[in-house]
Amino acid sequence: MLAYIIEKLSNWFESAERTRREAYLASSSDIVDLEKRLRALESNGYTL
């Protein structure tokens, strides 16, 4: 039961983080800004 709760919490946090990253990328002003943001995320260890 505890493993189930931990898994659900983990999935929820991953989903929230993915939504935050998508919003960050979507707020780019142009393609150059988008590419800069993508590189910044990738250099910080995020996979897209």
C-alpha atoms as a PDB file:
ATOM      1  CA  MET A   1       0.000   0.000   0.000  1.00  0.00           C
ATOM      2  CA  LEU A   2       2.812   2.414   0.857  1.00  0.00           C
ATOM      3  CA  ALA A   3       4.552   1.606  -2.439  1.00  0.00           C
ATOM      4  CA  TYR A   4       1.339   2.436  -4.305  1.00  0.00           C
ATOM      5  CA  ILE A   5       1.062   5.829  -2.580  1.00  0.00           C
ATOM      6  CA  ILE A   6       4.710   6.624  -3.274  1.00  0.00           C
ATOM      7  CA  GLU A   7       4.287   5.687  -6.937  1.00  0.00           C
ATOM      8  CA  LYS A   8       1.183   7.881  -7.283  1.00  0.00           C
ATOM      9  CA  LEU A   9       2.949  10.828  -5.626  1.00  0.00           C
ATOM     10  CA  SER A  10       5.950  10.343  -7.886  1.00  0.00           C
ATOM     11  CA  ASN A  11       3.718  10.324 -10.968  1.00  0.00           C
ATOM     12  CA  TRP A  12       1.945  13.456  -9.755  1.00  0.00           C
ATOM     13  CA  PHE A  13       5.229  15.325  -9.176  1.00  0.00           C
ATOM     14  CA  GLU A  14       6.580  14.259 -12.574  1.00  0.00           C
ATOM     15  CA  SER A  15       3.397  15.450 -14.259  1.00  0.00           C
ATOM     16  CA  ALA A  16       3.528  18.792 -12.438  1.00  0.00           C
ATOM     17  CA  GLU A  17       7.178  19.286 -13.416  1.00  0.00           C
ATOM     18  CA  ARG A  18       6.450  18.405 -17.052  1.00  0.00           C
ATOM     19  CA  THR A  19       3.584  20.925 -17.096  1.00  0.00           C
ATOM     20  CA  ARG A  20       5.862  23.600 -15.599  1.00  0.00           C
ATOM     21  CA  ARG A  21       8.565  22.961 -18.239  1.00  0.00           C
ATOM     22  CA  GLU A  22       6.019  23.009 -21.070  1.00  0.00           C
ATOM     23  CA  ALA A  23       4.621  26.340 -19.857  1.00  0.00           C
ATOM     24  CA  TYR A  24       8.169  27.735 -19.624  1.00  0.00           C
ATOM     25  CA  LEU A  25       8.905  26.675 -23.201  1.00  0.00           C
ATOM     26  CA  ALA A  26       5.513  27.849 -24.493  1.00  0.00           C
ATOM     27  CA  SER A  27       6.141  31.349 -23.178  1.00  0.00           C
ATOM     28  CA  SER A  28       9.093  31.778 -25.553  1.00  0.00           C
ATOM     29  CA  SER A  29       8.862  34.922 -27.609  1.00  0.00           C
ATOM     30  CA  ASP A  30      10.366  33.418 -30.787  1.00  0.00           C
ATOM     31  CA  ILE A  31      12.265  30.390 -32.091  1.00  0.00           C
ATOM     32  CA  VAL A  32      15.615  31.755 -30.918  1.00  0.00           C
ATOM     33  CA  ASP A  33      14.282  32.172 -27.383  1.00  0.00           C
ATOM     34  CA  LEU A  34      12.764  28.674 -27.530  1.00  0.00           C
ATOM     35  CA  GLU A  35      16.080  27.131 -28.569  1.00  0.00           C
ATOM     36  CA  LYS A  36      17.876  29.023 -25.795  1.00  0.00           C
ATOM     37  CA  ARG A  37      15.393  27.711 -23.240  1.00  0.00           C
ATOM     38  CA  LEU A  38      15.692  24.161 -24.579  1.00  0.00           C
ATOM     39  CA  ARG A  39      19.481  24.302 -24.282  1.00  0.00           C
ATOM     40  CA  ALA A  40      19.200  25.697 -20.753  1.00  0.00           C
ATOM     41  CA  LEU A  41      16.907  22.861 -19.686  1.00  0.00           C
ATOM     42  CA  GLU A  42      19.094  20.217 -21.299  1.00  0.00           C
ATOM     43  CA  SER A  43      22.247  21.607 -19.714  1.00  0.00           C
ATOM     44  CA  ASN A  44      20.535  21.309 -16.326  1.00  0.00           C
ATOM     45  CA  GLY A  45      19.890  17.606 -16.882  1.00  0.00           C
ATOM     46  CA  TYR A  46      16.280  17.649 -18.048  1.00  0.00           C
ATOM     47  CA  THR A  47      15.324  15.337 -20.887  1.00  0.00           C
ATOM     48  CA  LEU A  48      12.633  16.467 -23.271  1.00  0.00           C
END
